[in-house]
Amino acid sequence: MTDFVQVSTATETRDQAIRLAETVVRERLAAGVQIVGPVTSVFWHLGEFGTGEEWQLLLKTTTDRYPALEAHLLEHHPWENPEVSAVAVVAGTEGYLRWVAENTEPVQTTGTGPAPRI
């Protein structure tokens, strides 16, 4: 059985969150993304206490796809040092986990272009 994780990150704006979510789903690095917000964050940053509004992204993927997802998020995220963390999905319905697995399979290509997506 494939192992599954839920990955979280956040952005400053809703539009940034949507753009980031669209790129990871189109590249099949995540089967789906939930965008929650705005949420209030309370934090230390560069030695200073702060608060702010953010848009949280919850990304559903497999442990096999996590390294590529992390690399993509770090490359395309608007922040220099974003939170990217993953927690294991220890249980889930069979249909849901199958959906995550099927929709994170890399697209196979032949010499004539990408394979059709199902």
PDB file of N, CA and C in Angstrom:
ATOM      1  N   MET A   1       0.837  -1.183   0.000  1.00  0.00           N
ATOM      2  CA  MET A   1       0.000   0.000   0.000  1.00  0.00           C
ATOM      3  C   MET A   1       0.884   1.249   0.000  1.00  0.00           C
ATOM      4  N   THR A   2       0.449   2.259  -0.710  1.00  0.00           N
ATOM      5  CA  THR A   2       1.161   3.525  -0.740  1.00  0.00           C
ATOM      6  C   THR A   2       0.926   4.265   0.566  1.00  0.00           C
ATOM      7  N   ASP A   3       1.933   4.958   1.035  1.00  0.00           N
ATOM      8  CA  ASP A   3       1.780   5.785   2.224  1.00  0.00           C
ATOM      9  C   ASP A   3       1.341   7.179   1.800  1.00  0.00           C
ATOM     10  N   PHE A   4       0.555   7.826   2.639  1.00  0.00           N
ATOM     11  CA  PHE A   4      -0.037   9.113   2.308  1.00  0.00           C
ATOM     12  C   PHE A   4       0.341  10.162   3.329  1.00  0.00           C
ATOM     13  N   VAL A   5       0.420  11.408   2.874  1.00  0.00           N
ATOM     14  CA  VAL A   5       0.701  12.528   3.750  1.00  0.00           C
ATOM     15  C   VAL A   5      -0.196  13.704   3.388  1.00  0.00           C
ATOM     16  N   GLN A   6      -0.429  14.552   4.377  1.00  0.00           N
ATOM     17  CA  GLN A   6      -1.068  15.840   4.142  1.00  0.00           C
ATOM     18  C   GLN A   6      -0.011  16.896   4.412  1.00  0.00           C
ATOM     19  N   VAL A   7       0.220  17.730   3.445  1.00  0.00           N
ATOM     20  CA  VAL A   7       1.272  18.737   3.498  1.00  0.00           C
ATOM     21  C   VAL A   7       0.617  20.092   3.718  1.00  0.00           C
ATOM     22  N   SER A   8       1.253  20.928   4.528  1.00  0.00           N
ATOM     23  CA  SER A   8       0.714  22.265   4.713  1.00  0.00           C
ATOM     24  C   SER A   8       1.762  23.322   4.423  1.00  0.00           C
ATOM     25  N   THR A   9       1.264  24.434   3.907  1.00  0.00           N
ATOM     26  CA  THR A   9       2.049  25.641   3.710  1.00  0.00           C
ATOM     27  C   THR A   9       1.061  26.790   3.780  1.00  0.00           C
ATOM     28  N   ALA A  10       1.541  28.004   3.675  1.00  0.00           N
ATOM     29  CA  ALA A  10       0.656  29.163   3.722  1.00  0.00           C
ATOM     30  C   ALA A  10       1.216  30.250   2.818  1.00  0.00           C
ATOM     31  N   THR A  11       0.333  31.129   2.370  1.00  0.00           N
ATOM     32  CA  THR A  11       0.733  32.279   1.565  1.00  0.00           C
ATOM     33  C   THR A  11       0.097  33.530   2.147  1.00  0.00           C
ATOM     34  N   GLU A  12       0.566  34.670   1.676  1.00  0.00           N
ATOM     35  CA  GLU A  12       0.052  35.944   2.174  1.00  0.00           C
ATOM     36  C   GLU A  12      -1.318  36.284   1.585  1.00  0.00           C
ATOM     37  N   THR A  13      -1.558  35.870   0.337  1.00  0.00           N
ATOM     38  CA  THR A  13      -2.814  36.244  -0.309  1.00  0.00           C
ATOM     39  C   THR A  13      -3.545  35.021  -0.851  1.00  0.00           C
ATOM     40  N   ARG A  14      -4.849  35.196  -1.064  1.00  0.00           N
ATOM     41  CA  ARG A  14      -5.676  34.139  -1.641  1.00  0.00           C
ATOM     42  C   ARG A  14      -5.206  33.812  -3.059  1.00  0.00           C
ATOM     43  N   ASP A  15      -4.905  34.832  -3.857  1.00  0.00           N
ATOM     44  CA  ASP A  15      -4.453  34.602  -5.231  1.00  0.00           C
ATOM     45  C   ASP A  15      -3.160  33.794  -5.279  1.00  0.00           C
ATOM     46  N   GLN A  16      -2.222  34.083  -4.376  1.00  0.00           N
ATOM     47  CA  GLN A  16      -0.981  33.296  -4.322  1.00  0.00           C
ATOM     48  C   GLN A  16      -1.292  31.843  -3.991  1.00  0.00           C
ATOM     49  N   ALA A  17      -2.209  31.630  -3.062  1.00  0.00           N
ATOM     50  CA  ALA A  17      -2.574  30.270  -2.666  1.00  0.00           C
ATOM     51  C   ALA A  17      -3.189  29.509  -3.836  1.00  0.00           C
ATOM     52  N   ILE A  18      -4.084  30.169  -4.569  1.00  0.00           N
ATOM     53  CA  ILE A  18      -4.733  29.513  -5.707  1.00  0.00           C
ATOM     54  C   ILE A  18      -3.706  29.176  -6.785  1.00  0.00           C
ATOM     55  N   ARG A  19      -2.823  30.106  -7.107  1.00  0.00           N
ATOM     56  CA  ARG A  19      -1.801  29.831  -8.137  1.00  0.00           C
ATOM     57  C   ARG A  19      -0.919  28.652  -7.741  1.00  0.00           C
ATOM     58  N   LEU A  20      -0.479  28.634  -6.493  1.00  0.00           N
ATOM     59  CA  LEU A  20       0.368  27.541  -6.027  1.00  0.00           C
ATOM     60  C   LEU A  20      -0.394  26.213  -6.071  1.00  0.00           C
ATOM     61  N   ALA A  21      -1.642  26.214  -5.635  1.00  0.00           N
ATOM     62  CA  ALA A  21      -2.454  24.995  -5.653  1.00  0.00           C
ATOM     63  C   ALA A  21      -2.647  24.488  -7.070  1.00  0.00           C
ATOM     64  N   GLU A  22      -2.949  25.386  -7.995  1.00  0.00           N
ATOM     65  CA  GLU A  22      -3.158  24.971  -9.387  1.00  0.00           C
ATOM     66  C   GLU A  22      -1.911  24.330  -9.979  1.00  0.00           C
ATOM     67  N   THR A  23      -0.740  24.878  -9.691  1.00  0.00           N
ATOM     68  CA  THR A  23       0.474  24.302 -10.284  1.00  0.00           C
ATOM     69  C   THR A  23       0.757  22.907  -9.752  1.00  0.00           C
ATOM     70  N   VAL A  24       0.561  22.678  -8.450  1.00  0.00           N
ATOM     71  CA  VAL A  24       0.879  21.345  -7.919  1.00  0.00           C
ATOM     72  C   VAL A  24      -0.129  20.296  -8.364  1.00  0.00           C
ATOM     73  N   VAL A  25      -1.398  20.684  -8.493  1.00  0.00           N
ATOM     74  CA  VAL A  25      -2.399  19.712  -8.938  1.00  0.00           C
ATOM     75  C   VAL A  25      -2.209  19.410 -10.419  1.00  0.00           C
ATOM     76  N   ARG A  26      -1.964  20.428 -11.234  1.00  0.00           N
ATOM     77  CA  ARG A  26      -1.735  20.184 -12.666  1.00  0.00           C
ATOM     78  C   ARG A  26      -0.531  19.294 -12.917  1.00  0.00           C
ATOM     79  N   GLU A  27       0.494  19.434 -12.087  1.00  0.00           N
ATOM     80  CA  GLU A  27       1.692  18.598 -12.238  1.00  0.00           C
ATOM     81  C   GLU A  27       1.564  17.271 -11.505  1.00  0.00           C
ATOM     82  N   ARG A  28       0.393  17.014 -10.936  1.00  0.00           N
ATOM     83  CA  ARG A  28       0.073  15.763 -10.254  1.00  0.00           C
ATOM     84  C   ARG A  28       0.995  15.490  -9.057  1.00  0.00           C
ATOM     85  N   LEU A  29       1.461  16.561  -8.446  1.00  0.00           N
ATOM     86  CA  LEU A  29       2.252  16.433  -7.227  1.00  0.00           C
ATOM     87  C   LEU A  29       1.347  16.300  -6.009  1.00  0.00           C
ATOM     88  N   ALA A  30       0.107  16.757  -6.155  1.00  0.00           N
ATOM     89  CA  ALA A  30      -0.923  16.587  -5.134  1.00  0.00           C
ATOM     90  C   ALA A  30      -2.219  16.259  -5.853  1.00  0.00           C
ATOM     91  N   ALA A  31      -3.019  15.398  -5.241  1.00  0.00           N
ATOM     92  CA  ALA A  31      -4.305  15.040  -5.844  1.00  0.00           C
ATOM     93  C   ALA A  31      -5.298  16.182  -5.697  1.00  0.00           C
ATOM     94  N   GLY A  32      -5.166  16.938  -4.640  1.00  0.00           N
ATOM     95  CA  GLY A  32      -6.061  18.051  -4.392  1.00  0.00           C
ATOM     96  C   GLY A  32      -5.485  18.935  -3.312  1.00  0.00           C
ATOM     97  N   VAL A  33      -5.986  20.159  -3.264  1.00  0.00           N
ATOM     98  CA  VAL A  33      -5.531  21.131  -2.276  1.00  0.00           C
ATOM     99  C   VAL A  33      -6.757  21.843  -1.714  1.00  0.00           C
ATOM    100  N   GLN A  34      -6.827  21.947  -0.412  1.00  0.00           N
ATOM    101  CA  GLN A  34      -7.836  22.781   0.226  1.00  0.00           C
ATOM    102  C   GLN A  34      -7.159  24.076   0.634  1.00  0.00           C
ATOM    103  N   ILE A  35      -7.828  25.186   0.354  1.00  0.00           N
ATOM    104  CA  ILE A  35      -7.313  26.500   0.736  1.00  0.00           C
ATOM    105  C   ILE A  35      -8.236  27.040   1.815  1.00  0.00           C
ATOM    106  N   VAL A  36      -7.669  27.375   2.958  1.00  0.00           N
ATOM    107  CA  VAL A  36      -8.423  27.825   4.109  1.00  0.00           C
ATOM    108  C   VAL A  36      -7.962  29.236   4.459  1.00  0.00           C
ATOM    109  N   GLY A  37      -8.908  30.125   4.647  1.00  0.00           N
ATOM    110  CA  GLY A  37      -8.464  31.440   5.061  1.00  0.00           C
ATOM    111  C   GLY A  37      -9.514  32.506   4.900  1.00  0.00           C
ATOM    112  N   PRO A  38      -9.121  33.652   5.342  1.00  0.00           N
ATOM    113  CA  PRO A  38      -7.823  33.894   5.962  1.00  0.00           C
ATOM    114  C   PRO A  38      -7.765  33.330   7.384  1.00  0.00           C
ATOM    115  N   VAL A  39      -6.581  32.936   7.781  1.00  0.00           N
ATOM    116  CA  VAL A  39      -6.330  32.481   9.143  1.00  0.00           C
ATOM    117  C   VAL A  39      -5.374  33.483   9.790  1.00  0.00           C
ATOM    118  N   THR A  40      -5.437  33.587  11.078  1.00  0.00           N
ATOM    119  CA  THR A  40      -4.546  34.480  11.804  1.00  0.00           C
ATOM    120  C   THR A  40      -3.368  33.682  12.320  1.00  0.00           C
ATOM    121  N   SER A  41      -2.168  34.176  12.060  1.00  0.00           N
ATOM    122  CA  SER A  41      -0.954  33.533  12.549  1.00  0.00           C
ATOM    123  C   SER A  41      -0.301  34.429  13.603  1.00  0.00           C
ATOM    124  N   VAL A  42       0.240  33.798  14.623  1.00  0.00           N
ATOM    125  CA  VAL A  42       1.003  34.479  15.664  1.00  0.00           C
ATOM    126  C   VAL A  42       2.353  33.784  15.688  1.00  0.00           C
ATOM    127  N   PHE A  43       3.444  34.541  15.597  1.00  0.00           N
ATOM    128  CA  PHE A  43       4.744  33.919  15.331  1.00  0.00           C
ATOM    129  C   PHE A  43       5.917  34.796  15.758  1.00  0.00           C
ATOM    130  N   TRP A  44       7.070  34.167  15.796  1.00  0.00           N
ATOM    131  CA  TRP A  44       8.355  34.867  15.872  1.00  0.00           C
ATOM    132  C   TRP A  44       8.970  34.794  14.491  1.00  0.00           C
ATOM    133  N   HIS A  45       9.490  35.891  13.994  1.00  0.00           N
ATOM    134  CA  HIS A  45      10.146  35.919  12.686  1.00  0.00           C
ATOM    135  C   HIS A  45      11.291  36.915  12.741  1.00  0.00           C
ATOM    136  N   LEU A  46      12.483  36.453  12.424  1.00  0.00           N
ATOM    137  CA  LEU A  46      13.692  37.284  12.447  1.00  0.00           C
ATOM    138  C   LEU A  46      13.855  37.989  13.792  1.00  0.00           C
ATOM    139  N   GLY A  47      13.569  37.245  14.863  1.00  0.00           N
ATOM    140  CA  GLY A  47      13.751  37.772  16.206  1.00  0.00           C
ATOM    141  C   GLY A  47      12.668  38.716  16.688  1.00  0.00           C
ATOM    142  N   GLU A  48      11.613  38.889  15.906  1.00  0.00           N
ATOM    143  CA  GLU A  48      10.541  39.792  16.305  1.00  0.00           C
ATOM    144  C   GLU A  48       9.213  39.044  16.389  1.00  0.00           C
ATOM    145  N   PHE A  49       8.398  39.470  17.353  1.00  0.00           N
ATOM    146  CA  PHE A  49       7.071  38.906  17.535  1.00  0.00           C
ATOM    147  C   PHE A  49       6.132  39.541  16.523  1.00  0.00           C
ATOM    148  N   GLY A  50       5.237  38.716  15.919  1.00  0.00           N
ATOM    149  CA  GLY A  50       4.323  39.286  14.945  1.00  0.00           C
ATOM    150  C   GLY A  50       3.026  38.525  14.843  1.00  0.00           C
ATOM    151  N   THR A  51       2.075  39.151  14.178  1.00  0.00           N
ATOM    152  CA  THR A  51       0.815  38.515  13.834  1.00  0.00           C
ATOM    153  C   THR A  51       0.491  38.906  12.399  1.00  0.00           C
ATOM    154  N   GLY A  52      -0.310  38.103  11.755  1.00  0.00           N
ATOM    155  CA  GLY A  52      -0.696  38.431  10.393  1.00  0.00           C
ATOM    156  C   GLY A  52      -1.734  37.463   9.873  1.00  0.00           C
ATOM    157  N   GLU A  53      -2.333  37.821   8.752  1.00  0.00           N
ATOM    158  CA  GLU A  53      -3.291  36.949   8.087  1.00  0.00           C
ATOM    159  C   GLU A  53      -2.589  36.179   6.978  1.00  0.00           C
ATOM    160  N   GLU A  54      -2.952  34.906   6.873  1.00  0.00           N
ATOM    161  CA  GLU A  54      -2.385  34.028   5.847  1.00  0.00           C
ATOM    162  C   GLU A  54      -3.501  33.162   5.273  1.00  0.00           C
ATOM    163  N   TRP A  55      -3.197  32.545   4.154  1.00  0.00           N
ATOM    164  CA  TRP A  55      -4.084  31.557   3.522  1.00  0.00           C
ATOM    165  C   TRP A  55      -3.365  30.221   3.601  1.00  0.00           C
ATOM    166  N   GLN A  56      -3.976  29.266   4.297  1.00  0.00           N
ATOM    167  CA  GLN A  56      -3.361  27.957   4.514  1.00  0.00           C
ATOM    168  C   GLN A  56      -3.738  27.005   3.389  1.00  0.00           C
ATOM    169  N   LEU A  57      -2.753  26.272   2.895  1.00  0.00           N
ATOM    170  CA  LEU A  57      -2.974  25.246   1.888  1.00  0.00           C
ATOM    171  C   LEU A  57      -2.745  23.885   2.524  1.00  0.00           C
ATOM    172  N   LEU A  58      -3.700  22.962   2.320  1.00  0.00           N
ATOM    173  CA  LEU A  58      -3.579  21.580   2.769  1.00  0.00           C
ATOM    174  C   LEU A  58      -3.547  20.714   1.519  1.00  0.00           C
ATOM    175  N   LEU A  59      -2.411  20.094   1.263  1.00  0.00           N
ATOM    176  CA  LEU A  59      -2.176  19.353   0.028  1.00  0.00           C
ATOM    177  C   LEU A  59      -2.177  17.857   0.325  1.00  0.00           C
ATOM    178  N   LYS A  60      -2.875  17.092  -0.512  1.00  0.00           N
ATOM    179  CA  LYS A  60      -2.983  15.645  -0.331  1.00  0.00           C
ATOM    180  C   LYS A  60      -2.087  14.939  -1.338  1.00  0.00           C
ATOM    181  N   THR A  61      -1.155  14.113  -0.834  1.00  0.00           N
ATOM    182  CA  THR A  61      -0.228  13.432  -1.725  1.00  0.00           C
ATOM    183  C   THR A  61       0.259  12.131  -1.103  1.00  0.00           C
ATOM    184  N   THR A  62       1.171  11.481  -1.794  1.00  0.00           N
ATOM    185  CA  THR A  62       1.786  10.253  -1.300  1.00  0.00           C
ATOM    186  C   THR A  62       3.206  10.549  -0.831  1.00  0.00           C
ATOM    187  N   THR A  63       3.734   9.650  -0.005  1.00  0.00           N
ATOM    188  CA  THR A  63       5.112   9.854   0.442  1.00  0.00           C
ATOM    189  C   THR A  63       6.084   9.770  -0.728  1.00  0.00           C
ATOM    190  N   ASP A  64       5.750   8.974  -1.743  1.00  0.00           N
ATOM    191  CA  ASP A  64       6.607   8.879  -2.930  1.00  0.00           C
ATOM    192  C   ASP A  64       6.697  10.210  -3.671  1.00  0.00           C
ATOM    193  N   ARG A  65       5.607  10.970  -3.705  1.00  0.00           N
ATOM    194  CA  ARG A  65       5.563  12.244  -4.432  1.00  0.00           C
ATOM    195  C   ARG A  65       5.998  13.426  -3.571  1.00  0.00           C
ATOM    196  N   TYR A  66       6.152  13.213  -2.257  1.00  0.00           N
ATOM    197  CA  TYR A  66       6.486  14.332  -1.378  1.00  0.00           C
ATOM    198  C   TYR A  66       7.780  15.058  -1.767  1.00  0.00           C
ATOM    199  N   PRO A  67       8.889  14.370  -2.048  1.00  0.00           N
ATOM    200  CA  PRO A  67      10.109  15.119  -2.382  1.00  0.00           C
ATOM    201  C   PRO A  67       9.935  16.065  -3.575  1.00  0.00           C
ATOM    202  N   ALA A  68       9.233  15.614  -4.612  1.00  0.00           N
ATOM    203  CA  ALA A  68       9.002  16.476  -5.773  1.00  0.00           C
ATOM    204  C   ALA A  68       8.062  17.625  -5.414  1.00  0.00           C
ATOM    205  N   LEU A  69       7.057  17.353  -4.588  1.00  0.00           N
ATOM    206  CA  LEU A  69       6.143  18.404  -4.147  1.00  0.00           C
ATOM    207  C   LEU A  69       6.893  19.447  -3.328  1.00  0.00           C
ATOM    208  N   GLU A  70       7.709  18.996  -2.402  1.00  0.00           N
ATOM    209  CA  GLU A  70       8.485  19.938  -1.580  1.00  0.00           C
ATOM    210  C   GLU A  70       9.382  20.810  -2.461  1.00  0.00           C
ATOM    211  N   ALA A  71      10.089  20.195  -3.398  1.00  0.00           N
ATOM    212  CA  ALA A  71      10.969  20.962  -4.292  1.00  0.00           C
ATOM    213  C   ALA A  71      10.168  21.995  -5.084  1.00  0.00           C
ATOM    214  N   HIS A  72       9.008  21.598  -5.581  1.00  0.00           N
ATOM    215  CA  HIS A  72       8.156  22.512  -6.342  1.00  0.00           C
ATOM    216  C   HIS A  72       7.696  23.680  -5.465  1.00  0.00           C
ATOM    217  N   LEU A  73       7.254  23.375  -4.254  1.00  0.00           N
ATOM    218  CA  LEU A  73       6.799  24.439  -3.363  1.00  0.00           C
ATOM    219  C   LEU A  73       7.926  25.407  -3.040  1.00  0.00           C
ATOM    220  N   LEU A  74       9.105  24.900  -2.767  1.00  0.00           N
ATOM    221  CA  LEU A  74      10.227  25.782  -2.447  1.00  0.00           C
ATOM    222  C   LEU A  74      10.624  26.648  -3.639  1.00  0.00           C
ATOM    223  N   GLU A  75      10.505  26.102  -4.837  1.00  0.00           N
ATOM    224  CA  GLU A  75      10.864  26.863  -6.043  1.00  0.00           C
ATOM    225  C   GLU A  75       9.820  27.921  -6.396  1.00  0.00           C
ATOM    226  N   HIS A  76       8.536  27.613  -6.206  1.00  0.00           N
ATOM    227  CA  HIS A  76       7.469  28.494  -6.674  1.00  0.00           C
ATOM    228  C   HIS A  76       6.786  29.311  -5.582  1.00  0.00           C
ATOM    229  N   HIS A  77       7.125  29.067  -4.351  1.00  0.00           N
ATOM    230  CA  HIS A  77       6.474  29.784  -3.249  1.00  0.00           C
ATOM    231  C   HIS A  77       6.937  31.237  -3.236  1.00  0.00           C
ATOM    232  N   PRO A  78       6.023  32.168  -2.940  1.00  0.00           N
ATOM    233  CA  PRO A  78       6.417  33.580  -2.928  1.00  0.00           C
ATOM    234  C   PRO A  78       7.330  33.960  -1.755  1.00  0.00           C
ATOM    235  N   TRP A  79       7.410  33.137  -0.734  1.00  0.00           N
ATOM    236  CA  TRP A  79       8.258  33.441   0.419  1.00  0.00           C
ATOM    237  C   TRP A  79       9.608  32.770   0.271  1.00  0.00           C
ATOM    238  N   GLU A  80      10.636  33.390   0.830  1.00  0.00           N
ATOM    239  CA  GLU A  80      11.989  32.852   0.755  1.00  0.00           C
ATOM    240  C   GLU A  80      12.156  31.579   1.577  1.00  0.00           C
ATOM    241  N   ASN A  81      11.512  31.523   2.735  1.00  0.00           N
ATOM    242  CA  ASN A  81      11.646  30.360   3.622  1.00  0.00           C
ATOM    243  C   ASN A  81      10.271  29.942   4.138  1.00  0.00           C
ATOM    244  N   PRO A  82       9.437  29.358   3.260  1.00  0.00           N
ATOM    245  CA  PRO A  82       8.073  29.023   3.680  1.00  0.00           C
ATOM    246  C   PRO A  82       8.026  27.779   4.563  1.00  0.00           C
ATOM    247  N   GLU A  83       6.978  27.709   5.348  1.00  0.00           N
ATOM    248  CA  GLU A  83       6.673  26.464   6.044  1.00  0.00           C
ATOM    249  C   GLU A  83       6.244  25.444   4.994  1.00  0.00           C
ATOM    250  N   VAL A  84       6.863  24.292   5.024  1.00  0.00           N
ATOM    251  CA  VAL A  84       6.404  23.143   4.254  1.00  0.00           C
ATOM    252  C   VAL A  84       6.560  21.963   5.203  1.00  0.00           C
ATOM    253  N   SER A  85       5.431  21.424   5.656  1.00  0.00           N
ATOM    254  CA  SER A  85       5.505  20.307   6.590  1.00  0.00           C
ATOM    255  C   SER A  85       4.495  19.249   6.178  1.00  0.00           C
ATOM    256  N   ALA A  86       4.817  18.012   6.521  1.00  0.00           N
ATOM    257  CA  ALA A  86       3.953  16.893   6.151  1.00  0.00           C
ATOM    258  C   ALA A  86       3.636  16.075   7.396  1.00  0.00           C
ATOM    259  N   VAL A  87       2.386  15.650   7.467  1.00  0.00           N
ATOM    260  CA  VAL A  87       1.982  14.732   8.531  1.00  0.00           C
ATOM    261  C   VAL A  87       1.420  13.478   7.876  1.00  0.00           C
ATOM    262  N   ALA A  88       1.705  12.357   8.492  1.00  0.00           N
ATOM    263  CA  ALA A  88       1.242  11.082   7.951  1.00  0.00           C
ATOM    264  C   ALA A  88      -0.261  10.953   8.080  1.00  0.00           C
ATOM    265  N   VAL A  89      -0.871  10.384   7.060  1.00  0.00           N
ATOM    266  CA  VAL A  89      -2.278  10.002   7.114  1.00  0.00           C
ATOM    267  C   VAL A  89      -2.265   8.559   7.591  1.00  0.00           C
ATOM    268  N   VAL A  90      -2.686   8.345   8.819  1.00  0.00           N
ATOM    269  CA  VAL A  90      -2.594   6.999   9.392  1.00  0.00           C
ATOM    270  C   VAL A  90      -3.784   6.126   9.040  1.00  0.00           C
ATOM    271  N   ALA A  91      -4.868   6.744   8.590  1.00  0.00           N
ATOM    272  CA  ALA A  91      -6.044   5.987   8.176  1.00  0.00           C
ATOM    273  C   ALA A  91      -6.877   6.861   7.255  1.00  0.00           C
ATOM    274  N   GLY A  92      -7.641   6.209   6.392  1.00  0.00           N
ATOM    275  CA  GLY A  92      -8.537   6.913   5.491  1.00  0.00           C
ATOM    276  C   GLY A  92      -9.406   5.911   4.766  1.00  0.00           C
ATOM    277  N   THR A  93     -10.485   6.390   4.191  1.00  0.00           N
ATOM    278  CA  THR A  93     -11.347   5.472   3.457  1.00  0.00           C
ATOM    279  C   THR A  93     -10.619   4.950   2.229  1.00  0.00           C
ATOM    280  N   GLU A  94     -10.948   3.743   1.859  1.00  0.00           N
ATOM    281  CA  GLU A  94     -10.301   3.110   0.713  1.00  0.00           C
ATOM    282  C   GLU A  94     -10.451   3.951  -0.553  1.00  0.00           C
ATOM    283  N   GLY A  95     -11.657   4.451  -0.796  1.00  0.00           N
ATOM    284  CA  GLY A  95     -11.898   5.248  -1.992  1.00  0.00           C
ATOM    285  C   GLY A  95     -11.096   6.535  -2.012  1.00  0.00           C
ATOM    286  N   TYR A  96     -11.009   7.212  -0.878  1.00  0.00           N
ATOM    287  CA  TYR A  96     -10.239   8.454  -0.803  1.00  0.00           C
ATOM    288  C   TYR A  96      -8.755   8.203  -1.058  1.00  0.00           C
ATOM    289  N   LEU A  97      -8.201   7.206  -0.388  1.00  0.00           N
ATOM    290  CA  LEU A  97      -6.772   6.917  -0.560  1.00  0.00           C
ATOM    291  C   LEU A  97      -6.468   6.464  -1.985  1.00  0.00           C
ATOM    292  N   ARG A  98      -7.363   5.713  -2.593  1.00  0.00           N
ATOM    293  CA  ARG A  98      -7.185   5.317  -3.991  1.00  0.00           C
ATOM    294  C   ARG A  98      -7.179   6.558  -4.889  1.00  0.00           C
ATOM    295  N   TRP A  99      -8.079   7.504  -4.621  1.00  0.00           N
ATOM    296  CA  TRP A  99      -8.148   8.757  -5.379  1.00  0.00           C
ATOM    297  C   TRP A  99      -6.837   9.530  -5.277  1.00  0.00           C
ATOM    298  N   VAL A 100      -6.285   9.622  -4.078  1.00  0.00           N
ATOM    299  CA  VAL A 100      -5.002  10.324  -3.910  1.00  0.00           C
ATOM    300  C   VAL A 100      -3.919   9.605  -4.711  1.00  0.00           C
ATOM    301  N   ALA A 101      -3.841   8.296  -4.578  1.00  0.00           N
ATOM    302  CA  ALA A 101      -2.808   7.530  -5.283  1.00  0.00           C
ATOM    303  C   ALA A 101      -2.943   7.676  -6.799  1.00  0.00           C
ATOM    304  N   GLU A 102      -4.155   7.543  -7.314  1.00  0.00           N
ATOM    305  CA  GLU A 102      -4.352   7.614  -8.768  1.00  0.00           C
ATOM    306  C   GLU A 102      -4.048   8.999  -9.329  1.00  0.00           C
ATOM    307  N   ASN A 103      -4.332  10.036  -8.567  1.00  0.00           N
ATOM    308  CA  ASN A 103      -4.180  11.395  -9.076  1.00  0.00           C
ATOM    309  C   ASN A 103      -2.842  12.039  -8.769  1.00  0.00           C
ATOM    310  N   THR A 104      -1.944  11.239  -8.213  1.00  0.00           N
ATOM    311  CA  THR A 104      -0.581  11.721  -8.028  1.00  0.00           C
ATOM    312  C   THR A 104       0.417  10.887  -8.825  1.00  0.00           C
ATOM    313  N   GLU A 105      -0.088   9.964  -9.613  1.00  0.00           N
ATOM    314  CA  GLU A 105       0.802   9.187 -10.483  1.00  0.00           C
ATOM    315  C   GLU A 105       1.392  10.123 -11.534  1.00  0.00           C
ATOM    316  N   PRO A 106       2.704  10.096 -11.718  1.00  0.00           N
ATOM    317  CA  PRO A 106       3.290  10.935 -12.769  1.00  0.00           C
ATOM    318  C   PRO A 106       2.724  10.556 -14.133  1.00  0.00           C
ATOM    319  N   VAL A 107       2.545  11.546 -14.967  1.00  0.00           N
ATOM    320  CA  VAL A 107       2.057  11.303 -16.317  1.00  0.00           C
ATOM    321  C   VAL A 107       3.190  10.665 -17.107  1.00  0.00           C
ATOM    322  N   GLN A 108       2.891   9.520 -17.725  1.00  0.00           N
ATOM    323  CA  GLN A 108       3.880   8.831 -18.542  1.00  0.00           C
ATOM    324  C   GLN A 108       3.865   9.429 -19.943  1.00  0.00           C
ATOM    325  N   THR A 109       5.030   9.624 -20.498  1.00  0.00           N
ATOM    326  CA  THR A 109       5.090  10.177 -21.851  1.00  0.00           C
ATOM    327  C   THR A 109       5.701   9.156 -22.796  1.00  0.00           C
ATOM    328  N   THR A 110       5.297   9.266 -24.046  1.00  0.00           N
ATOM    329  CA  THR A 110       5.887   8.457 -25.099  1.00  0.00           C
ATOM    330  C   THR A 110       6.629   9.424 -26.006  1.00  0.00           C
ATOM    331  N   GLY A 111       7.109   8.971 -27.093  1.00  0.00           N
ATOM    332  CA  GLY A 111       7.823   9.839 -28.025  1.00  0.00           C
ATOM    333  C   GLY A 111       6.920  10.850 -28.697  1.00  0.00           C
ATOM    334  N   THR A 112       5.599  10.717 -28.549  1.00  0.00           N
ATOM    335  CA  THR A 112       4.690  11.625 -29.235  1.00  0.00           C
ATOM    336  C   THR A 112       4.021  12.627 -28.323  1.00  0.00           C
ATOM    337  N   GLY A 113       4.342  12.663 -27.058  1.00  0.00           N
ATOM    338  CA  GLY A 113       3.733  13.643 -26.163  1.00  0.00           C
ATOM    339  C   GLY A 113       3.182  12.979 -24.927  1.00  0.00           C
ATOM    340  N   PRO A 114       2.541  13.757 -24.066  1.00  0.00           N
ATOM    341  CA  PRO A 114       2.058  13.197 -22.802  1.00  0.00           C
ATOM    342  C   PRO A 114       0.929  12.204 -23.004  1.00  0.00           C
ATOM    343  N   ALA A 115       0.882  11.255 -22.117  1.00  0.00           N
ATOM    344  CA  ALA A 115      -0.206  10.263 -22.122  1.00  0.00           C
ATOM    345  C   ALA A 115      -1.484  10.957 -21.697  1.00  0.00           C
ATOM    346  N   PRO A 116      -2.610  10.453 -22.169  1.00  0.00           N
ATOM    347  CA  PRO A 116      -3.882  11.067 -21.756  1.00  0.00           C
ATOM    348  C   PRO A 116      -4.112  10.877 -20.264  1.00  0.00           C
ATOM    349  N   ARG A 117      -4.750  11.853 -19.653  1.00  0.00           N
ATOM    350  CA  ARG A 117      -5.069  11.765 -18.226  1.00  0.00           C
ATOM    351  C   ARG A 117      -6.464  11.193 -18.068  1.00  0.00           C
ATOM    352  N   ILE A 118      -6.599  10.388 -17.047  1.00  0.00           N
ATOM    353  CA  ILE A 118      -7.894   9.749 -16.790  1.00  0.00           C
ATOM    354  C   ILE A 118      -8.610  10.520 -15.694  1.00  0.00           C
TER     355      ILE A 118
END
